[in-house]
């Protein structure tokens, strides 16, 4: 693995850990999928913006991603298919520690990301 690919992997670890936290913390599948779609849409939009503003060549990005098909789908030159699923392993976000499931933060002053309404069944279970 090249040094730059290692750097890309390290940069992505915090984002992957956050996405995995959403994936494992909410028992309601509809809310979990909706949150993951919002996260991936925002990340893809930021990636497309950087490519467009800096006139980057996707061929120069391909060696640094784990799956070039994902890169083409994110940048709008391809698409994801229902069969394009794979395991996303848990990552170490701190040096010298083993991977583990993140504990949910218990901050009393924190505003919830998805405020629960009375009509949403099961939304309170995701906190």
Protein backbone atom coordinates (compact mmCIF):
# COMPACT_ATOMS: atom_id res chain seq x y z
CA UNK A 1 0.00 0.00 0.00
CA UNK A 2 1.43 3.36 -0.97
CA UNK A 3 2.02 6.13 1.55
CA UNK A 4 -0.72 8.28 0.02
CA UNK A 5 -3.23 5.44 0.18
CA UNK A 6 -2.38 5.01 3.88
CA UNK A 7 -3.05 8.72 4.40
CA UNK A 8 -6.41 8.43 2.60
CA UNK A 9 -7.31 5.45 4.78
CA UNK A 10 -6.43 7.36 7.96
CA UNK A 11 -8.44 10.41 6.83
CA UNK A 12 -11.47 8.24 6.11
CA UNK A 13 -11.36 6.33 9.41
CA UNK A 14 -13.18 8.97 11.47
CA UNK A 15 -15.95 9.29 8.89
CA UNK A 16 -16.31 5.52 8.62
CA UNK A 17 -16.44 5.23 12.42
CA UNK A 18 -19.20 7.85 12.55
CA UNK A 19 -21.19 6.07 9.84
CA UNK A 20 -20.78 2.72 11.59
CA UNK A 21 -21.99 4.36 14.82
CA UNK A 22 -25.21 5.41 13.04
CA UNK A 23 -25.47 1.91 11.57
CA UNK A 24 -25.26 0.12 14.93
CA UNK A 25 -26.96 2.65 17.22
CA UNK A 26 -30.47 2.83 15.76
CA UNK A 27 -32.73 -0.24 15.82
CA UNK A 28 -35.28 1.31 13.43
CA UNK A 29 -34.16 0.36 9.91
CA UNK A 30 -36.03 3.14 8.11
CA UNK A 31 -34.41 5.86 10.23
CA UNK A 32 -31.00 4.21 10.02
CA UNK A 33 -31.15 4.02 6.21
CA UNK A 34 -32.44 7.60 5.95
CA UNK A 35 -29.54 8.88 8.06
CA UNK A 36 -26.99 6.91 6.03
CA UNK A 37 -28.48 8.25 2.77
CA UNK A 38 -28.21 11.82 4.07
CA UNK A 39 -24.59 11.26 5.12
CA UNK A 40 -23.59 9.67 1.82
CA UNK A 41 -25.39 12.35 -0.21
CA UNK A 42 -23.55 15.09 1.63
CA UNK A 43 -20.18 13.36 1.26
CA UNK A 44 -20.75 12.69 -2.46
CA UNK A 45 -21.81 16.29 -3.04
CA UNK A 46 -18.67 17.59 -1.33
CA UNK A 47 -16.48 15.23 -3.37
CA UNK A 48 -18.12 16.32 -6.65
CA UNK A 49 -17.68 19.97 -5.66
CA UNK A 50 -13.95 19.52 -5.03
CA UNK A 51 -13.48 17.66 -8.33
CA UNK A 52 -15.37 20.33 -10.26
CA UNK A 53 -13.75 23.39 -8.63
CA UNK A 54 -10.20 22.02 -8.84
CA UNK A 55 -10.62 20.35 -12.26
CA UNK A 56 -9.40 16.99 -10.91
CA UNK A 57 -9.10 13.98 -13.17
CA UNK A 58 -10.93 10.95 -11.74
CA UNK A 59 -8.20 8.71 -13.17
CA UNK A 60 -5.80 10.37 -10.73
CA UNK A 61 -8.11 9.62 -7.81
CA UNK A 62 -8.73 5.94 -8.68
CA UNK A 63 -5.46 4.54 -7.27
CA UNK A 64 -6.35 5.88 -3.82
CA UNK A 65 -9.83 4.42 -3.41
CA UNK A 66 -10.64 0.84 -2.48
CA UNK A 67 -13.21 0.37 -5.26
CA UNK A 68 -13.12 2.51 -8.44
CA UNK A 69 -16.77 1.63 -9.15
CA UNK A 70 -17.74 3.55 -6.00
CA UNK A 71 -15.66 6.50 -7.14
CA UNK A 72 -17.42 6.60 -10.51
CA UNK A 73 -20.83 6.43 -8.81
CA UNK A 74 -19.94 9.22 -6.36
CA UNK A 75 -18.60 11.50 -9.08
CA UNK A 76 -21.64 10.94 -11.29
CA UNK A 77 -19.97 8.89 -14.02
CA UNK A 78 -21.42 5.57 -12.96
CA UNK A 79 -24.08 4.18 -10.69
CA UNK A 80 -24.50 1.87 -7.77
CA UNK A 81 -26.27 -1.39 -8.37
CA UNK A 82 -28.28 -3.38 -5.82
CA UNK A 83 -25.58 -6.06 -5.92
CA UNK A 84 -22.83 -3.62 -4.89
CA UNK A 85 -22.88 -4.39 -1.17
CA UNK A 86 -19.91 -5.29 0.99
CA UNK A 87 -18.80 -5.46 4.58
CA UNK A 88 -17.41 -2.22 6.00
CA UNK A 89 -15.01 -3.21 8.77
CA UNK A 90 -14.75 -1.28 12.01
CA UNK A 91 -11.72 1.00 12.08
CA UNK A 92 -9.30 2.13 14.77
CA UNK A 93 -9.79 5.84 15.34
CA UNK A 94 -7.14 6.15 18.04
CA UNK A 95 -3.59 4.91 17.93
CA UNK A 96 -2.81 1.94 20.14
CA UNK A 97 -6.41 0.90 20.71
CA UNK A 98 -8.33 -2.01 19.30
CA UNK A 99 -11.54 -1.48 17.36
CA UNK A 100 -14.65 -1.47 19.48
CA UNK A 101 -18.22 -0.34 19.25
CA UNK A 102 -18.48 3.39 20.05
CA UNK A 103 -20.48 4.31 23.12
CA UNK A 104 -23.26 6.84 22.57
CA UNK A 105 -22.51 10.25 24.01
CA UNK A 106 -24.59 11.24 27.03
CA UNK A 107 -24.50 15.02 26.84
CA UNK A 108 -27.53 16.67 28.48
CA UNK A 109 -27.17 19.97 26.57
CA UNK A 110 -26.82 18.40 23.13
CA UNK A 111 -29.65 18.98 20.65
CA UNK A 112 -30.77 15.69 19.06
CA UNK A 113 -29.82 15.20 15.42
CA UNK A 114 -33.27 13.87 14.60
CA UNK A 115 -35.81 15.36 17.01
CA UNK A 116 -38.53 12.85 17.76
CA UNK A 117 -42.15 13.69 17.08
CA UNK A 118 -45.11 11.89 18.51
CA UNK A 119 -45.98 10.42 15.12
CA UNK A 120 -42.61 8.73 14.58
CA UNK A 121 -42.86 5.23 15.93
CA UNK A 122 -39.63 4.07 17.49
CA UNK A 123 -37.67 7.28 17.04
CA UNK A 124 -37.02 7.51 20.78
CA UNK A 125 -35.24 4.15 20.60
CA UNK A 126 -32.46 5.66 18.47
CA UNK A 127 -31.15 7.96 21.18
